[in-house]
Amino acid sequence: YAFASLIGCVGLLTLINLLTTSVLERSREIGIWRSM
């Protein structure tokens, strides 16, 4: 269970990093969506 929790925490941090990077890379698209 300790290993599973550690793997869950790594997955959480990886997904946060991936989505934050995606927001930064797609900021122009977000601006276009919002302007539309």
PDB file of all heavy atoms in Angstrom:
ATOM      1  N   TYR A   1       0.830  -1.207   0.000  1.00  0.00           N
ATOM      2  CA  TYR A   1       0.000   0.000   0.000  1.00  0.00           C
ATOM      3  C   TYR A   1       0.867   1.261   0.000  1.00  0.00           C
ATOM      4  O   TYR A   1       0.511   2.253  -0.639  1.00  0.00           O
ATOM      5  CB  TYR A   1      -0.957   0.019   1.198  1.00  0.00           C
ATOM      6  CG  TYR A   1      -2.201  -0.792   0.980  1.00  0.00           C
ATOM      7  CD1 TYR A   1      -2.494  -1.878   1.797  1.00  0.00           C
ATOM      8  CD2 TYR A   1      -3.097  -0.488  -0.040  1.00  0.00           C
ATOM      9  CE1 TYR A   1      -3.635  -2.636   1.609  1.00  0.00           C
ATOM     10  CE2 TYR A   1      -4.237  -1.237  -0.234  1.00  0.00           C
ATOM     11  CZ  TYR A   1      -4.508  -2.302   0.581  1.00  0.00           C
ATOM     12  OH  TYR A   1      -5.642  -3.049   0.385  1.00  0.00           O
ATOM     13  N   ALA A   2       1.994   1.219   0.689  1.00  0.00           N
ATOM     14  CA  ALA A   2       2.908   2.361   0.694  1.00  0.00           C
ATOM     15  C   ALA A   2       3.474   2.594  -0.704  1.00  0.00           C
ATOM     16  O   ALA A   2       3.554   3.735  -1.173  1.00  0.00           O
ATOM     17  CB  ALA A   2       4.034   2.145   1.695  1.00  0.00           C
ATOM     18  N   PHE A   3       3.856   1.524  -1.399  1.00  0.00           N
ATOM     19  CA  PHE A   3       4.343   1.659  -2.771  1.00  0.00           C
ATOM     20  C   PHE A   3       3.252   2.202  -3.690  1.00  0.00           C
ATOM     21  O   PHE A   3       3.513   3.058  -4.543  1.00  0.00           O
ATOM     22  CB  PHE A   3       4.858   0.323  -3.314  1.00  0.00           C
ATOM     23  CG  PHE A   3       6.213  -0.065  -2.815  1.00  0.00           C
ATOM     24  CD1 PHE A   3       6.474  -1.375  -2.467  1.00  0.00           C
ATOM     25  CD2 PHE A   3       7.235   0.860  -2.699  1.00  0.00           C
ATOM     26  CE1 PHE A   3       7.725  -1.752  -2.004  1.00  0.00           C
ATOM     27  CE2 PHE A   3       8.489   0.506  -2.242  1.00  0.00           C
ATOM     28  CZ  PHE A   3       8.732  -0.812  -1.889  1.00  0.00           C
ATOM     29  N   ALA A   4       2.032   1.705  -3.533  1.00  0.00           N
ATOM     30  CA  ALA A   4       0.920   2.182  -4.356  1.00  0.00           C
ATOM     31  C   ALA A   4       0.656   3.662  -4.106  1.00  0.00           C
ATOM     32  O   ALA A   4       0.395   4.424  -5.051  1.00  0.00           O
ATOM     33  CB  ALA A   4      -0.337   1.358  -4.085  1.00  0.00           C
ATOM     34  N   SER A   5       0.749   4.103  -2.855  1.00  0.00           N
ATOM     35  CA  SER A   5       0.558   5.519  -2.536  1.00  0.00           C
ATOM     36  C   SER A   5       1.656   6.372  -3.149  1.00  0.00           C
ATOM     37  O   SER A   5       1.393   7.459  -3.675  1.00  0.00           O
ATOM     38  CB  SER A   5       0.536   5.728  -1.018  1.00  0.00           C
ATOM     39  OG  SER A   5      -0.522   5.028  -0.448  1.00  0.00           O
ATOM     40  N   LEU A   6       2.878   5.877  -3.101  1.00  0.00           N
ATOM     41  CA  LEU A   6       3.998   6.597  -3.708  1.00  0.00           C
ATOM     42  C   LEU A   6       3.810   6.721  -5.217  1.00  0.00           C
ATOM     43  O   LEU A   6       4.023   7.797  -5.795  1.00  0.00           O
ATOM     44  CB  LEU A   6       5.317   5.880  -3.392  1.00  0.00           C
ATOM     45  CG  LEU A   6       6.585   6.531  -3.895  1.00  0.00           C
ATOM     46  CD1 LEU A   6       6.787   7.889  -3.228  1.00  0.00           C
ATOM     47  CD2 LEU A   6       7.772   5.628  -3.624  1.00  0.00           C
ATOM     48  N   ILE A   7       3.374   5.665  -5.845  1.00  0.00           N
ATOM     49  CA  ILE A   7       3.117   5.698  -7.286  1.00  0.00           C
ATOM     50  C   ILE A   7       1.978   6.666  -7.604  1.00  0.00           C
ATOM     51  O   ILE A   7       2.030   7.404  -8.599  1.00  0.00           O
ATOM     52  CB  ILE A   7       2.817   4.279  -7.814  1.00  0.00           C
ATOM     53  CG1 ILE A   7       4.091   3.434  -7.772  1.00  0.00           C
ATOM     54  CG2 ILE A   7       2.255   4.313  -9.229  1.00  0.00           C
ATOM     55  CD1 ILE A   7       3.874   1.962  -8.006  1.00  0.00           C
ATOM     56  N   GLY A   8       0.948   6.703  -6.758  1.00  0.00           N
ATOM     57  CA  GLY A   8      -0.148   7.656  -6.946  1.00  0.00           C
ATOM     58  C   GLY A   8       0.331   9.095  -6.846  1.00  0.00           C
ATOM     59  O   GLY A   8      -0.090   9.954  -7.620  1.00  0.00           O
ATOM     60  N   CYS A   9       1.220   9.371  -5.890  1.00  0.00           N
ATOM     61  CA  CYS A   9       1.771  10.737  -5.749  1.00  0.00           C
ATOM     62  C   CYS A   9       2.608  11.124  -6.961  1.00  0.00           C
ATOM     63  O   CYS A   9       2.532  12.265  -7.433  1.00  0.00           O
ATOM     64  CB  CYS A   9       2.605  10.838  -4.473  1.00  0.00           C
ATOM     65  SG  CYS A   9       1.625  10.809  -2.975  1.00  0.00           S
ATOM     66  N   VAL A  10       3.395  10.201  -7.470  1.00  0.00           N
ATOM     67  CA  VAL A  10       4.190  10.475  -8.667  1.00  0.00           C
ATOM     68  C   VAL A  10       3.265  10.750  -9.853  1.00  0.00           C
ATOM     69  O   VAL A  10       3.499  11.675 -10.637  1.00  0.00           O
ATOM     70  CB  VAL A  10       5.157   9.306  -8.970  1.00  0.00           C
ATOM     71  CG1 VAL A  10       5.789   9.439 -10.338  1.00  0.00           C
ATOM     72  CG2 VAL A  10       6.228   9.214  -7.894  1.00  0.00           C
ATOM     73  N   GLY A  11       2.198   9.961  -9.975  1.00  0.00           N
ATOM     74  CA  GLY A  11       1.233  10.186 -11.043  1.00  0.00           C
ATOM     75  C   GLY A  11       0.556  11.538 -10.924  1.00  0.00           C
ATOM     76  O   GLY A  11       0.339  12.237 -11.914  1.00  0.00           O
ATOM     77  N   LEU A  12       0.217  11.932  -9.690  1.00  0.00           N
ATOM     78  CA  LEU A  12      -0.403  13.239  -9.436  1.00  0.00           C
ATOM     79  C   LEU A  12       0.518  14.364  -9.887  1.00  0.00           C
ATOM     80  O   LEU A  12       0.102  15.265 -10.629  1.00  0.00           O
ATOM     81  CB  LEU A  12      -0.733  13.365  -7.948  1.00  0.00           C
ATOM     82  CG  LEU A  12      -1.269  14.714  -7.489  1.00  0.00           C
ATOM     83  CD1 LEU A  12      -2.743  14.810  -7.807  1.00  0.00           C
ATOM     84  CD2 LEU A  12      -1.042  14.888  -6.005  1.00  0.00           C
ATOM     85  N   LEU A  13       1.765  14.318  -9.467  1.00  0.00           N
ATOM     86  CA  LEU A  13       2.716  15.374  -9.831  1.00  0.00           C
ATOM     87  C   LEU A  13       2.994  15.394 -11.336  1.00  0.00           C
ATOM     88  O   LEU A  13       3.120  16.467 -11.938  1.00  0.00           O
ATOM     89  CB  LEU A  13       4.018  15.203  -9.045  1.00  0.00           C
ATOM     90  CG  LEU A  13       3.891  15.424  -7.536  1.00  0.00           C
ATOM     91  CD1 LEU A  13       5.198  15.081  -6.845  1.00  0.00           C
ATOM     92  CD2 LEU A  13       3.468  16.843  -7.226  1.00  0.00           C
ATOM     93  N   THR A  14       3.082  14.234 -11.938  1.00  0.00           N
ATOM     94  CA  THR A  14       3.317  14.164 -13.383  1.00  0.00           C
ATOM     95  C   THR A  14       2.147  14.770 -14.151  1.00  0.00           C
ATOM     96  O   THR A  14       2.351  15.520 -15.118  1.00  0.00           O
ATOM     97  CB  THR A  14       3.544  12.703 -13.814  1.00  0.00           C
ATOM     98  OG1 THR A  14       4.653  12.176 -13.091  1.00  0.00           O
ATOM     99  CG2 THR A  14       3.797  12.604 -15.301  1.00  0.00           C
ATOM    100  N   LEU A  15       0.933  14.453 -13.741  1.00  0.00           N
ATOM    101  CA  LEU A  15      -0.239  14.992 -14.428  1.00  0.00           C
ATOM    102  C   LEU A  15      -0.357  16.497 -14.230  1.00  0.00           C
ATOM    103  O   LEU A  15      -0.698  17.224 -15.172  1.00  0.00           O
ATOM    104  CB  LEU A  15      -1.508  14.280 -13.954  1.00  0.00           C
ATOM    105  CG  LEU A  15      -2.776  14.559 -14.750  1.00  0.00           C
ATOM    106  CD1 LEU A  15      -2.595  14.188 -16.217  1.00  0.00           C
ATOM    107  CD2 LEU A  15      -3.942  13.778 -14.162  1.00  0.00           C
ATOM    108  N   ILE A  16      -0.056  16.996 -13.033  1.00  0.00           N
ATOM    109  CA  ILE A  16      -0.064  18.441 -12.801  1.00  0.00           C
ATOM    110  C   ILE A  16       0.941  19.110 -13.727  1.00  0.00           C
ATOM    111  O   ILE A  16       0.630  20.123 -14.375  1.00  0.00           O
ATOM    112  CB  ILE A  16       0.252  18.765 -11.321  1.00  0.00           C
ATOM    113  CG1 ILE A  16      -0.913  18.392 -10.419  1.00  0.00           C
ATOM    114  CG2 ILE A  16       0.579  20.243 -11.155  1.00  0.00           C
ATOM    115  CD1 ILE A  16      -0.596  18.489  -8.938  1.00  0.00           C
ATOM    116  N   ASN A  17       2.142  18.563 -13.812  1.00  0.00           N
ATOM    117  CA  ASN A  17       3.179  19.125 -14.679  1.00  0.00           C
ATOM    118  C   ASN A  17       2.754  19.105 -16.144  1.00  0.00           C
ATOM    119  O   ASN A  17       2.918  20.092 -16.865  1.00  0.00           O
ATOM    120  CB  ASN A  17       4.488  18.357 -14.484  1.00  0.00           C
ATOM    121  CG  ASN A  17       5.633  18.945 -15.269  1.00  0.00           C
ATOM    122  OD1 ASN A  17       5.707  20.153 -15.458  1.00  0.00           O
ATOM    123  ND2 ASN A  17       6.523  18.095 -15.716  1.00  0.00           N
ATOM    124  N   LEU A  18       2.192  18.001 -16.582  1.00  0.00           N
ATOM    125  CA  LEU A  18       1.774  17.862 -17.975  1.00  0.00           C
ATOM    126  C   LEU A  18       0.670  18.858 -18.320  1.00  0.00           C
ATOM    127  O   LEU A  18       0.736  19.533 -19.365  1.00  0.00           O
ATOM    128  CB  LEU A  18       1.294  16.436 -18.228  1.00  0.00           C
ATOM    129  CG  LEU A  18       0.875  16.123 -19.650  1.00  0.00           C
ATOM    130  CD1 LEU A  18       2.116  16.028 -20.528  1.00  0.00           C
ATOM    131  CD2 LEU A  18       0.096  14.844 -19.697  1.00  0.00           C
ATOM    132  N   LEU A  19      -0.330  18.991 -17.459  1.00  0.00           N
ATOM    133  CA  LEU A  19      -1.436  19.902 -17.748  1.00  0.00           C
ATOM    134  C   LEU A  19      -1.002  21.366 -17.654  1.00  0.00           C
ATOM    135  O   LEU A  19      -1.458  22.199 -18.440  1.00  0.00           O
ATOM    136  CB  LEU A  19      -2.611  19.622 -16.815  1.00  0.00           C
ATOM    137  CG  LEU A  19      -3.321  18.283 -17.038  1.00  0.00           C
ATOM    138  CD1 LEU A  19      -4.389  18.059 -15.990  1.00  0.00           C
ATOM    139  CD2 LEU A  19      -3.912  18.207 -18.439  1.00  0.00           C
ATOM    140  N   THR A  20      -0.129  21.691 -16.707  1.00  0.00           N
ATOM    141  CA  THR A  20       0.375  23.065 -16.604  1.00  0.00           C
ATOM    142  C   THR A  20       1.166  23.432 -17.848  1.00  0.00           C
ATOM    143  O   THR A  20       1.007  24.529 -18.395  1.00  0.00           O
ATOM    144  CB  THR A  20       1.247  23.221 -15.343  1.00  0.00           C
ATOM    145  OG1 THR A  20       0.446  22.895 -14.199  1.00  0.00           O
ATOM    146  CG2 THR A  20       1.765  24.626 -15.205  1.00  0.00           C
ATOM    147  N   THR A  21       1.991  22.513 -18.314  1.00  0.00           N
ATOM    148  CA  THR A  21       2.751  22.749 -19.540  1.00  0.00           C
ATOM    149  C   THR A  21       1.819  22.903 -20.737  1.00  0.00           C
ATOM    150  O   THR A  21       2.031  23.757 -21.596  1.00  0.00           O
ATOM    151  CB  THR A  21       3.742  21.593 -19.777  1.00  0.00           C
ATOM    152  OG1 THR A  21       4.583  21.466 -18.636  1.00  0.00           O
ATOM    153  CG2 THR A  21       4.589  21.828 -21.010  1.00  0.00           C
ATOM    154  N   SER A  22       0.780  22.095 -20.772  1.00  0.00           N
ATOM    155  CA  SER A  22      -0.189  22.182 -21.856  1.00  0.00           C
ATOM    156  C   SER A  22      -0.893  23.535 -21.862  1.00  0.00           C
ATOM    157  O   SER A  22      -1.114  24.126 -22.930  1.00  0.00           O
ATOM    158  CB  SER A  22      -1.210  21.050 -21.725  1.00  0.00           C
ATOM    159  OG  SER A  22      -2.141  21.089 -22.774  1.00  0.00           O
ATOM    160  N   VAL A  23      -1.240  24.052 -20.682  1.00  0.00           N
ATOM    161  CA  VAL A  23      -1.875  25.374 -20.599  1.00  0.00           C
ATOM    162  C   VAL A  23      -0.914  26.445 -21.130  1.00  0.00           C
ATOM    163  O   VAL A  23      -1.311  27.328 -21.903  1.00  0.00           O
ATOM    164  CB  VAL A  23      -2.302  25.696 -19.151  1.00  0.00           C
ATOM    165  CG1 VAL A  23      -2.685  27.158 -18.994  1.00  0.00           C
ATOM    166  CG2 VAL A  23      -3.473  24.809 -18.749  1.00  0.00           C
ATOM    167  N   LEU A  24       0.355  26.375 -20.726  1.00  0.00           N
ATOM    168  CA  LEU A  24       1.328  27.373 -21.176  1.00  0.00           C
ATOM    169  C   LEU A  24       1.562  27.298 -22.676  1.00  0.00           C
ATOM    170  O   LEU A  24       1.676  28.324 -23.352  1.00  0.00           O
ATOM    171  CB  LEU A  24       2.651  27.194 -20.419  1.00  0.00           C
ATOM    172  CG  LEU A  24       2.614  27.549 -18.941  1.00  0.00           C
ATOM    173  CD1 LEU A  24       3.924  27.162 -18.269  1.00  0.00           C
ATOM    174  CD2 LEU A  24       2.319  29.028 -18.752  1.00  0.00           C
ATOM    175  N   GLU A  25       1.674  26.099 -23.218  1.00  0.00           N
ATOM    176  CA  GLU A  25       1.925  25.936 -24.652  1.00  0.00           C
ATOM    177  C   GLU A  25       0.716  26.323 -25.500  1.00  0.00           C
ATOM    178  O   GLU A  25       0.874  26.713 -26.659  1.00  0.00           O
ATOM    179  CB  GLU A  25       2.311  24.487 -24.952  1.00  0.00           C
ATOM    180  CG  GLU A  25       3.689  24.117 -24.461  1.00  0.00           C
ATOM    181  CD  GLU A  25       4.019  22.654 -24.712  1.00  0.00           C
ATOM    182  OE1 GLU A  25       3.104  21.872 -25.088  1.00  0.00           O
ATOM    183  OE2 GLU A  25       5.189  22.285 -24.515  1.00  0.00           O
ATOM    184  N   ARG A  26      -0.469  26.205 -24.953  1.00  0.00           N
ATOM    185  CA  ARG A  26      -1.678  26.474 -25.733  1.00  0.00           C
ATOM    186  C   ARG A  26      -2.329  27.791 -25.346  1.00  0.00           C
ATOM    187  O   ARG A  26      -3.514  27.982 -25.561  1.00  0.00           O
ATOM    188  CB  ARG A  26      -2.650  25.315 -25.529  1.00  0.00           C
ATOM    189  CG  ARG A  26      -2.092  24.018 -26.104  1.00  0.00           C
ATOM    190  CD  ARG A  26      -2.807  22.799 -25.641  1.00  0.00           C
ATOM    191  NE  ARG A  26      -4.170  22.731 -26.125  1.00  0.00           N
ATOM    192  CZ  ARG A  26      -5.028  21.808 -25.745  1.00  0.00           C
ATOM    193  NH1 ARG A  26      -4.666  20.891 -24.883  1.00  0.00           N
ATOM    194  NH2 ARG A  26      -6.245  21.798 -26.214  1.00  0.00           N
ATOM    195  N   SER A  27      -1.559  28.698 -24.799  1.00  0.00           N
ATOM    196  CA  SER A  27      -2.145  29.965 -24.351  1.00  0.00           C
ATOM    197  C   SER A  27      -2.745  30.749 -25.514  1.00  0.00           C
ATOM    198  O   SER A  27      -3.785  31.387 -25.364  1.00  0.00           O
ATOM    199  CB  SER A  27      -1.105  30.799 -23.606  1.00  0.00           C
ATOM    200  OG  SER A  27      -0.031  31.127 -24.445  1.00  0.00           O
ATOM    201  N   ARG A  28      -2.128  30.706 -26.674  1.00  0.00           N
ATOM    202  CA  ARG A  28      -2.693  31.407 -27.835  1.00  0.00           C
ATOM    203  C   ARG A  28      -4.039  30.794 -28.229  1.00  0.00           C
ATOM    204  O   ARG A  28      -4.992  31.516 -28.525  1.00  0.00           O
ATOM    205  CB  ARG A  28      -1.721  31.386 -28.994  1.00  0.00           C
ATOM    206  CG  ARG A  28      -2.174  32.244 -30.154  1.00  0.00           C
ATOM    207  CD  ARG A  28      -0.988  32.543 -31.062  1.00  0.00           C
ATOM    208  NE  ARG A  28      -1.358  33.357 -32.190  1.00  0.00           N
ATOM    209  CZ  ARG A  28      -1.433  34.674 -32.171  1.00  0.00           C
ATOM    210  NH1 ARG A  28      -1.165  35.317 -31.067  1.00  0.00           N
ATOM    211  NH2 ARG A  28      -1.760  35.354 -33.251  1.00  0.00           N
ATOM    212  N   GLU A  29      -4.124  29.470 -28.238  1.00  0.00           N
ATOM    213  CA  GLU A  29      -5.397  28.799 -28.528  1.00  0.00           C
ATOM    214  C   GLU A  29      -6.459  29.202 -27.504  1.00  0.00           C
ATOM    215  O   GLU A  29      -7.616  29.419 -27.868  1.00  0.00           O
ATOM    216  CB  GLU A  29      -5.222  27.279 -28.478  1.00  0.00           C
ATOM    217  CG  GLU A  29      -4.444  26.691 -29.612  1.00  0.00           C
ATOM    218  CD  GLU A  29      -4.268  25.193 -29.441  1.00  0.00           C
ATOM    219  OE1 GLU A  29      -5.240  24.521 -29.006  1.00  0.00           O
ATOM    220  OE2 GLU A  29      -3.179  24.693 -29.728  1.00  0.00           O
ATOM    221  N   ILE A  30      -6.066  29.268 -26.244  1.00  0.00           N
ATOM    222  CA  ILE A  30      -7.006  29.665 -25.192  1.00  0.00           C
ATOM    223  C   ILE A  30      -7.514  31.077 -25.463  1.00  0.00           C
ATOM    224  O   ILE A  30      -8.712  31.360 -25.334  1.00  0.00           O
ATOM    225  CB  ILE A  30      -6.334  29.570 -23.800  1.00  0.00           C
ATOM    226  CG1 ILE A  30      -6.013  28.117 -23.471  1.00  0.00           C
ATOM    227  CG2 ILE A  30      -7.236  30.168 -22.723  1.00  0.00           C
ATOM    228  CD1 ILE A  30      -5.125  27.939 -22.259  1.00  0.00           C
ATOM    229  N   GLY A  31      -6.621  31.966 -25.873  1.00  0.00           N
ATOM    230  CA  GLY A  31      -7.031  33.331 -26.198  1.00  0.00           C
ATOM    231  C   GLY A  31      -8.009  33.368 -27.352  1.00  0.00           C
ATOM    232  O   GLY A  31      -8.991  34.124 -27.328  1.00  0.00           O
ATOM    233  N   ILE A  32      -7.769  32.556 -28.361  1.00  0.00           N
ATOM    234  CA  ILE A  32      -8.680  32.501 -29.510  1.00  0.00           C
ATOM    235  C   ILE A  32     -10.032  31.944 -29.079  1.00  0.00           C
ATOM    236  O   ILE A  32     -11.083  32.467 -29.468  1.00  0.00           O
ATOM    237  CB  ILE A  32      -8.057  31.680 -30.657  1.00  0.00           C
ATOM    238  CG1 ILE A  32      -6.831  32.418 -31.218  1.00  0.00           C
ATOM    239  CG2 ILE A  32      -9.072  31.399 -31.749  1.00  0.00           C
ATOM    240  CD1 ILE A  32      -6.003  31.606 -32.185  1.00  0.00           C
ATOM    241  N   TRP A  33     -10.018  30.886 -28.272  1.00  0.00           N
ATOM    242  CA  TRP A  33     -11.287  30.317 -27.785  1.00  0.00           C
ATOM    243  C   TRP A  33     -12.069  31.357 -27.012  1.00  0.00           C
ATOM    244  O   TRP A  33     -13.277  31.511 -27.204  1.00  0.00           O
ATOM    245  CB  TRP A  33     -11.054  29.119 -26.873  1.00  0.00           C
ATOM    246  CG  TRP A  33     -10.478  27.894 -27.516  1.00  0.00           C
ATOM    247  CD1 TRP A  33     -10.518  27.547 -28.821  1.00  0.00           C
ATOM    248  CD2 TRP A  33      -9.763  26.858 -26.847  1.00  0.00           C
ATOM    249  NE1 TRP A  33      -9.871  26.361 -29.023  1.00  0.00           N
ATOM    250  CE2 TRP A  33      -9.400  25.912 -27.822  1.00  0.00           C
ATOM    251  CE3 TRP A  33      -9.388  26.634 -25.527  1.00  0.00           C
ATOM    252  CZ2 TRP A  33      -8.685  24.759 -27.519  1.00  0.00           C
ATOM    253  CZ3 TRP A  33      -8.688  25.483 -25.234  1.00  0.00           C
ATOM    254  CH2 TRP A  33      -8.337  24.560 -26.210  1.00  0.00           C
ATOM    255  N   ARG A  34     -11.364  32.055 -26.129  1.00  0.00           N
ATOM    256  CA  ARG A  34     -12.036  33.053 -25.290  1.00  0.00           C
ATOM    257  C   ARG A  34     -12.571  34.207 -26.140  1.00  0.00           C
ATOM    258  O   ARG A  34     -13.657  34.718 -25.883  1.00  0.00           O
ATOM    259  CB  ARG A  34     -11.071  33.596 -24.217  1.00  0.00           C
ATOM    260  CG  ARG A  34     -10.602  32.593 -23.184  1.00  0.00           C
ATOM    261  CD  ARG A  34     -11.716  32.076 -22.280  1.00  0.00           C
ATOM    262  NE  ARG A  34     -12.418  33.107 -21.554  1.00  0.00           N
ATOM    263  CZ  ARG A  34     -12.080  33.567 -20.364  1.00  0.00           C
ATOM    264  NH1 ARG A  34     -11.062  33.060 -19.732  1.00  0.00           N
ATOM    265  NH2 ARG A  34     -12.781  34.523 -19.787  1.00  0.00           N
ATOM    266  N   SER A  35     -11.815  34.631 -27.169  1.00  0.00           N
ATOM    267  CA  SER A  35     -12.278  35.736 -28.019  1.00  0.00           C
ATOM    268  C   SER A  35     -13.469  35.324 -28.874  1.00  0.00           C
ATOM    269  O   SER A  35     -14.247  36.167 -29.305  1.00  0.00           O
ATOM    270  CB  SER A  35     -11.140  36.252 -28.896  1.00  0.00           C
ATOM    271  OG  SER A  35     -10.750  35.269 -29.824  1.00  0.00           O
ATOM    272  N   MET A  36     -13.614  34.023 -29.103  1.00  0.00           N
ATOM    273  CA  MET A  36     -14.753  33.528 -29.881  1.00  0.00           C
ATOM    274  C   MET A  36     -15.965  33.252 -28.997  1.00  0.00           C
ATOM    275  O   MET A  36     -17.000  32.810 -29.489  1.00  0.00           O
ATOM    276  CB  MET A  36     -14.354  32.255 -30.637  1.00  0.00           C
ATOM    277  CG  MET A  36     -13.317  32.515 -31.725  1.00  0.00           C
ATOM    278  SD  MET A  36     -12.760  31.029 -32.534  1.00  0.00           S
ATOM    279  CE  MET A  36     -14.254  30.453 -33.299  1.00  0.00           C
TER     280      MET A  36
END
